[in-house]
Amino acid sequence: MSNAPKTRPKVPEGKSRFLITRQKEANEKGFVGYDTIWESFQKEQEYTTPKRP
């Protein structure tokens, strides 16, 4: 095995319809995490009281 430091390849940003995934920087132990950003796909509507009969 070589004595080269272990590095992770840079991963491109992942995009789908409601989700974006980005690679974080490696920490001191070499762990590489990922950020996930969700876009809301549900719409909220203000509640109105129903009419009384």
PDB file of N, CA and C in Angstrom:
ATOM      1  N   MET A   1       0.832  -1.182   0.000  1.00  0.00           N
ATOM      2  CA  MET A   1       0.000   0.000   0.000  1.00  0.00           C
ATOM      3  C   MET A   1       0.875   1.242   0.000  1.00  0.00           C
ATOM      4  N   SER A   2       0.383   2.292  -0.583  1.00  0.00           N
ATOM      5  CA  SER A   2       1.145   3.528  -0.645  1.00  0.00           C
ATOM      6  C   SER A   2       0.916   4.350   0.615  1.00  0.00           C
ATOM      7  N   ASN A   3       1.810   5.297   0.847  1.00  0.00           N
ATOM      8  CA  ASN A   3       1.706   6.168   2.017  1.00  0.00           C
ATOM      9  C   ASN A   3       0.972   7.456   1.687  1.00  0.00           C
ATOM     10  N   ALA A   4       0.301   7.497   0.573  1.00  0.00           N
ATOM     11  CA  ALA A   4      -0.441   8.694   0.176  1.00  0.00           C
ATOM     12  C   ALA A   4      -1.642   8.881   1.096  1.00  0.00           C
ATOM     13  N   PRO A   5      -1.979  10.141   1.434  1.00  0.00           N
ATOM     14  CA  PRO A   5      -3.140  10.365   2.299  1.00  0.00           C
ATOM     15  C   PRO A   5      -4.425   9.947   1.595  1.00  0.00           C
ATOM     16  N   LYS A   6      -5.344   9.410   2.382  1.00  0.00           N
ATOM     17  CA  LYS A   6      -6.619   8.969   1.818  1.00  0.00           C
ATOM     18  C   LYS A   6      -7.486  10.193   1.558  1.00  0.00           C
ATOM     19  N   THR A   7      -7.954  10.326   0.351  1.00  0.00           N
ATOM     20  CA  THR A   7      -8.844  11.431  -0.002  1.00  0.00           C
ATOM     21  C   THR A   7     -10.022  10.877  -0.779  1.00  0.00           C
ATOM     22  N   ARG A   8     -11.129  11.547  -0.652  1.00  0.00           N
ATOM     23  CA  ARG A   8     -12.322  11.152  -1.384  1.00  0.00           C
ATOM     24  C   ARG A   8     -12.411  11.990  -2.646  1.00  0.00           C
ATOM     25  N   PRO A   9     -12.854  11.400  -3.745  1.00  0.00           N
ATOM     26  CA  PRO A   9     -13.030  12.203  -4.956  1.00  0.00           C
ATOM     27  C   PRO A   9     -14.175  13.192  -4.760  1.00  0.00           C
ATOM     28  N   LYS A  10     -14.093  14.333  -5.405  1.00  0.00           N
ATOM     29  CA  LYS A  10     -15.143  15.347  -5.334  1.00  0.00           C
ATOM     30  C   LYS A  10     -16.350  14.834  -6.111  1.00  0.00           C
ATOM     31  N   VAL A  11     -17.486  14.801  -5.447  1.00  0.00           N
ATOM     32  CA  VAL A  11     -18.719  14.301  -6.053  1.00  0.00           C
ATOM     33  C   VAL A  11     -19.527  15.497  -6.535  1.00  0.00           C
ATOM     34  N   PRO A  12     -20.062  15.467  -7.745  1.00  0.00           N
ATOM     35  CA  PRO A  12     -20.876  16.597  -8.213  1.00  0.00           C
ATOM     36  C   PRO A  12     -22.175  16.698  -7.425  1.00  0.00           C
ATOM     37  N   GLU A  13     -22.754  17.884  -7.449  1.00  0.00           N
ATOM     38  CA  GLU A  13     -24.008  18.128  -6.741  1.00  0.00           C
ATOM     39  C   GLU A  13     -25.117  17.298  -7.374  1.00  0.00           C
ATOM     40  N   GLY A  14     -25.869  16.589  -6.542  1.00  0.00           N
ATOM     41  CA  GLY A  14     -26.958  15.761  -7.036  1.00  0.00           C
ATOM     42  C   GLY A  14     -28.265  16.532  -6.992  1.00  0.00           C
ATOM     43  N   LYS A  15     -29.003  16.506  -8.068  1.00  0.00           N
ATOM     44  CA  LYS A  15     -30.275  17.223  -8.132  1.00  0.00           C
ATOM     45  C   LYS A  15     -31.362  16.279  -8.613  1.00  0.00           C
ATOM     46  N   SER A  16     -32.487  16.312  -7.915  1.00  0.00           N
ATOM     47  CA  SER A  16     -33.676  15.614  -8.372  1.00  0.00           C
ATOM     48  C   SER A  16     -34.837  16.590  -8.228  1.00  0.00           C
ATOM     49  N   ARG A  17     -36.046  16.104  -8.390  1.00  0.00           N
ATOM     50  CA  ARG A  17     -37.196  16.998  -8.425  1.00  0.00           C
ATOM     51  C   ARG A  17     -37.366  17.796  -7.128  1.00  0.00           C
ATOM     52  N   PHE A  18     -37.219  17.162  -5.978  1.00  0.00           N
ATOM     53  CA  PHE A  18     -37.448  17.835  -4.702  1.00  0.00           C
ATOM     54  C   PHE A  18     -36.241  17.783  -3.772  1.00  0.00           C
ATOM     55  N   LEU A  19     -35.103  17.288  -4.220  1.00  0.00           N
ATOM     56  CA  LEU A  19     -33.965  17.058  -3.336  1.00  0.00           C
ATOM     57  C   LEU A  19     -32.666  17.506  -3.988  1.00  0.00           C
ATOM     58  N   ILE A  20     -31.813  18.163  -3.204  1.00  0.00           N
ATOM     59  CA  ILE A  20     -30.467  18.528  -3.647  1.00  0.00           C
ATOM     60  C   ILE A  20     -29.489  17.941  -2.637  1.00  0.00           C
ATOM     61  N   THR A  21     -28.451  17.267  -3.105  1.00  0.00           N
ATOM     62  CA  THR A  21     -27.443  16.670  -2.240  1.00  0.00           C
ATOM     63  C   THR A  21     -26.087  17.286  -2.580  1.00  0.00           C
ATOM     64  N   ARG A  22     -25.393  17.759  -1.523  1.00  0.00           N
ATOM     65  CA  ARG A  22     -24.064  18.346  -1.704  1.00  0.00           C
ATOM     66  C   ARG A  22     -23.070  17.644  -0.789  1.00  0.00           C
ATOM     67  N   GLN A  23     -21.847  17.484  -1.261  1.00  0.00           N
ATOM     68  CA  GLN A  23     -20.803  16.860  -0.468  1.00  0.00           C
ATOM     69  C   GLN A  23     -20.161  17.903   0.445  1.00  0.00           C
ATOM     70  N   LYS A  24     -19.967  17.542   1.721  1.00  0.00           N
ATOM     71  CA  LYS A  24     -19.300  18.426   2.674  1.00  0.00           C
ATOM     72  C   LYS A  24     -17.791  18.219   2.583  1.00  0.00           C
ATOM     73  N   GLU A  25     -17.054  19.102   3.220  1.00  0.00           N
ATOM     74  CA  GLU A  25     -15.600  18.953   3.295  1.00  0.00           C
ATOM     75  C   GLU A  25     -15.261  17.848   4.303  1.00  0.00           C
ATOM     76  N   ALA A  26     -14.134  17.187   4.119  1.00  0.00           N
ATOM     77  CA  ALA A  26     -13.701  16.134   5.030  1.00  0.00           C
ATOM     78  C   ALA A  26     -13.273  16.746   6.358  1.00  0.00           C
ATOM     79  N   ASN A  27     -13.568  16.046   7.466  1.00  0.00           N
ATOM     80  CA  ASN A  27     -13.129  16.534   8.774  1.00  0.00           C
ATOM     81  C   ASN A  27     -11.726  16.027   9.067  1.00  0.00           C
ATOM     82  N   GLU A  28     -11.256  16.218  10.303  1.00  0.00           N
ATOM     83  CA  GLU A  28      -9.876  15.839  10.631  1.00  0.00           C
ATOM     84  C   GLU A  28      -9.644  14.330  10.577  1.00  0.00           C
ATOM     85  N   LYS A  29     -10.693  13.533  10.713  1.00  0.00           N
ATOM     86  CA  LYS A  29     -10.558  12.078  10.636  1.00  0.00           C
ATOM     87  C   LYS A  29     -10.711  11.560   9.213  1.00  0.00           C
ATOM     88  N   GLY A  30     -11.077  12.436   8.284  1.00  0.00           N
ATOM     89  CA  GLY A  30     -11.243  12.026   6.894  1.00  0.00           C
ATOM     90  C   GLY A  30     -12.671  11.679   6.528  1.00  0.00           C
ATOM     91  N   PHE A  31     -13.615  11.857   7.481  1.00  0.00           N
ATOM     92  CA  PHE A  31     -15.018  11.556   7.192  1.00  0.00           C
ATOM     93  C   PHE A  31     -15.602  12.624   6.290  1.00  0.00           C
ATOM     94  N   VAL A  32     -16.287  12.196   5.243  1.00  0.00           N
ATOM     95  CA  VAL A  32     -16.934  13.109   4.315  1.00  0.00           C
ATOM     96  C   VAL A  32     -18.436  12.899   4.441  1.00  0.00           C
ATOM     97  N   GLY A  33     -19.149  13.962   4.782  1.00  0.00           N
ATOM     98  CA  GLY A  33     -20.598  13.876   4.921  1.00  0.00           C
ATOM     99  C   GLY A  33     -21.289  14.538   3.752  1.00  0.00           C
ATOM    100  N   TYR A  34     -22.589  14.522   3.781  1.00  0.00           N
ATOM    101  CA  TYR A  34     -23.393  15.089   2.703  1.00  0.00           C
ATOM    102  C   TYR A  34     -24.513  15.932   3.289  1.00  0.00           C
ATOM    103  N   ASP A  35     -24.824  17.043   2.649  1.00  0.00           N
ATOM    104  CA  ASP A  35     -25.963  17.880   2.995  1.00  0.00           C
ATOM    105  C   ASP A  35     -27.117  17.486   2.090  1.00  0.00           C
ATOM    106  N   THR A  36     -28.305  17.347   2.669  1.00  0.00           N
ATOM    107  CA  THR A  36     -29.495  17.099   1.860  1.00  0.00           C
ATOM    108  C   THR A  36     -30.462  18.251   2.082  1.00  0.00           C
ATOM    109  N   ILE A  37     -30.924  18.837   1.016  1.00  0.00           N
ATOM    110  CA  ILE A  37     -31.822  19.981   1.069  1.00  0.00           C
ATOM    111  C   ILE A  37     -33.119  19.583   0.371  1.00  0.00           C
ATOM    112  N   TRP A  38     -34.206  19.571   1.143  1.00  0.00           N
ATOM    113  CA  TRP A  38     -35.518  19.201   0.604  1.00  0.00           C
ATOM    114  C   TRP A  38     -36.291  20.443   0.223  1.00  0.00           C
ATOM    115  N   GLU A  39     -36.922  20.404  -0.926  1.00  0.00           N
ATOM    116  CA  GLU A  39     -37.857  21.447  -1.323  1.00  0.00           C
ATOM    117  C   GLU A  39     -39.255  20.949  -0.988  1.00  0.00           C
ATOM    118  N   SER A  40     -40.074  21.827  -0.485  1.00  0.00           N
ATOM    119  CA  SER A  40     -41.424  21.437  -0.109  1.00  0.00           C
ATOM    120  C   SER A  40     -42.231  21.099  -1.363  1.00  0.00           C
ATOM    121  N   PHE A  41     -42.944  19.986  -1.315  1.00  0.00           N
ATOM    122  CA  PHE A  41     -43.779  19.621  -2.452  1.00  0.00           C
ATOM    123  C   PHE A  41     -45.254  19.599  -2.069  1.00  0.00           C
ATOM    124  N   GLN A  42     -45.555  19.977  -0.828  1.00  0.00           N
ATOM    125  CA  GLN A  42     -46.946  20.098  -0.403  1.00  0.00           C
ATOM    126  C   GLN A  42     -47.270  21.571  -0.237  1.00  0.00           C
ATOM    127  N   LYS A  43     -48.461  21.942  -0.595  1.00  0.00           N
ATOM    128  CA  LYS A  43     -48.888  23.317  -0.443  1.00  0.00           C
ATOM    129  C   LYS A  43     -49.854  23.399   0.732  1.00  0.00           C
ATOM    130  N   GLU A  44     -49.629  24.381   1.598  1.00  0.00           N
ATOM    131  CA  GLU A  44     -50.518  24.581   2.731  1.00  0.00           C
ATOM    132  C   GLU A  44     -51.489  25.691   2.397  1.00  0.00           C
ATOM    133  N   GLN A  45     -52.727  25.473   2.770  1.00  0.00           N
ATOM    134  CA  GLN A  45     -53.747  26.469   2.526  1.00  0.00           C
ATOM    135  C   GLN A  45     -54.328  26.872   3.874  1.00  0.00           C
ATOM    136  N   GLU A  46     -54.622  28.143   4.024  1.00  0.00           N
ATOM    137  CA  GLU A  46     -55.149  28.643   5.274  1.00  0.00           C
ATOM    138  C   GLU A  46     -56.512  28.007   5.566  1.00  0.00           C
ATOM    139  N   TYR A  47     -56.709  27.619   6.829  1.00  0.00           N
ATOM    140  CA  TYR A  47     -57.965  26.963   7.221  1.00  0.00           C
ATOM    141  C   TYR A  47     -59.068  27.995   7.347  1.00  0.00           C
ATOM    142  N   THR A  48     -60.233  27.689   6.761  1.00  0.00           N
ATOM    143  CA  THR A  48     -61.405  28.530   6.918  1.00  0.00           C
ATOM    144  C   THR A  48     -62.521  27.683   7.519  1.00  0.00           C
ATOM    145  N   THR A  49     -63.254  28.252   8.429  1.00  0.00           N
ATOM    146  CA  THR A  49     -64.347  27.534   9.085  1.00  0.00           C
ATOM    147  C   THR A  49     -65.452  27.264   8.067  1.00  0.00           C
ATOM    148  N   PRO A  50     -65.982  26.041   8.045  1.00  0.00           N
ATOM    149  CA  PRO A  50     -67.054  25.729   7.095  1.00  0.00           C
ATOM    150  C   PRO A  50     -68.328  26.527   7.422  1.00  0.00           C
ATOM    151  N   LYS A  51     -69.166  26.727   6.416  1.00  0.00           N
ATOM    152  CA  LYS A  51     -70.432  27.429   6.643  1.00  0.00           C
ATOM    153  C   LYS A  51     -71.343  26.592   7.511  1.00  0.00           C
ATOM    154  N   ARG A  52     -72.119  27.271   8.330  1.00  0.00           N
ATOM    155  CA  ARG A  52     -73.084  26.558   9.164  1.00  0.00           C
ATOM    156  C   ARG A  52     -74.360  26.357   8.349  1.00  0.00           C
ATOM    157  N   PRO A  53     -75.033  25.227   8.546  1.00  0.00           N
ATOM    158  CA  PRO A  53     -76.270  24.986   7.788  1.00  0.00           C
ATOM    159  C   PRO A  53     -77.410  25.890   8.209  1.00  0.00           C
TER     160      PRO A  53
END
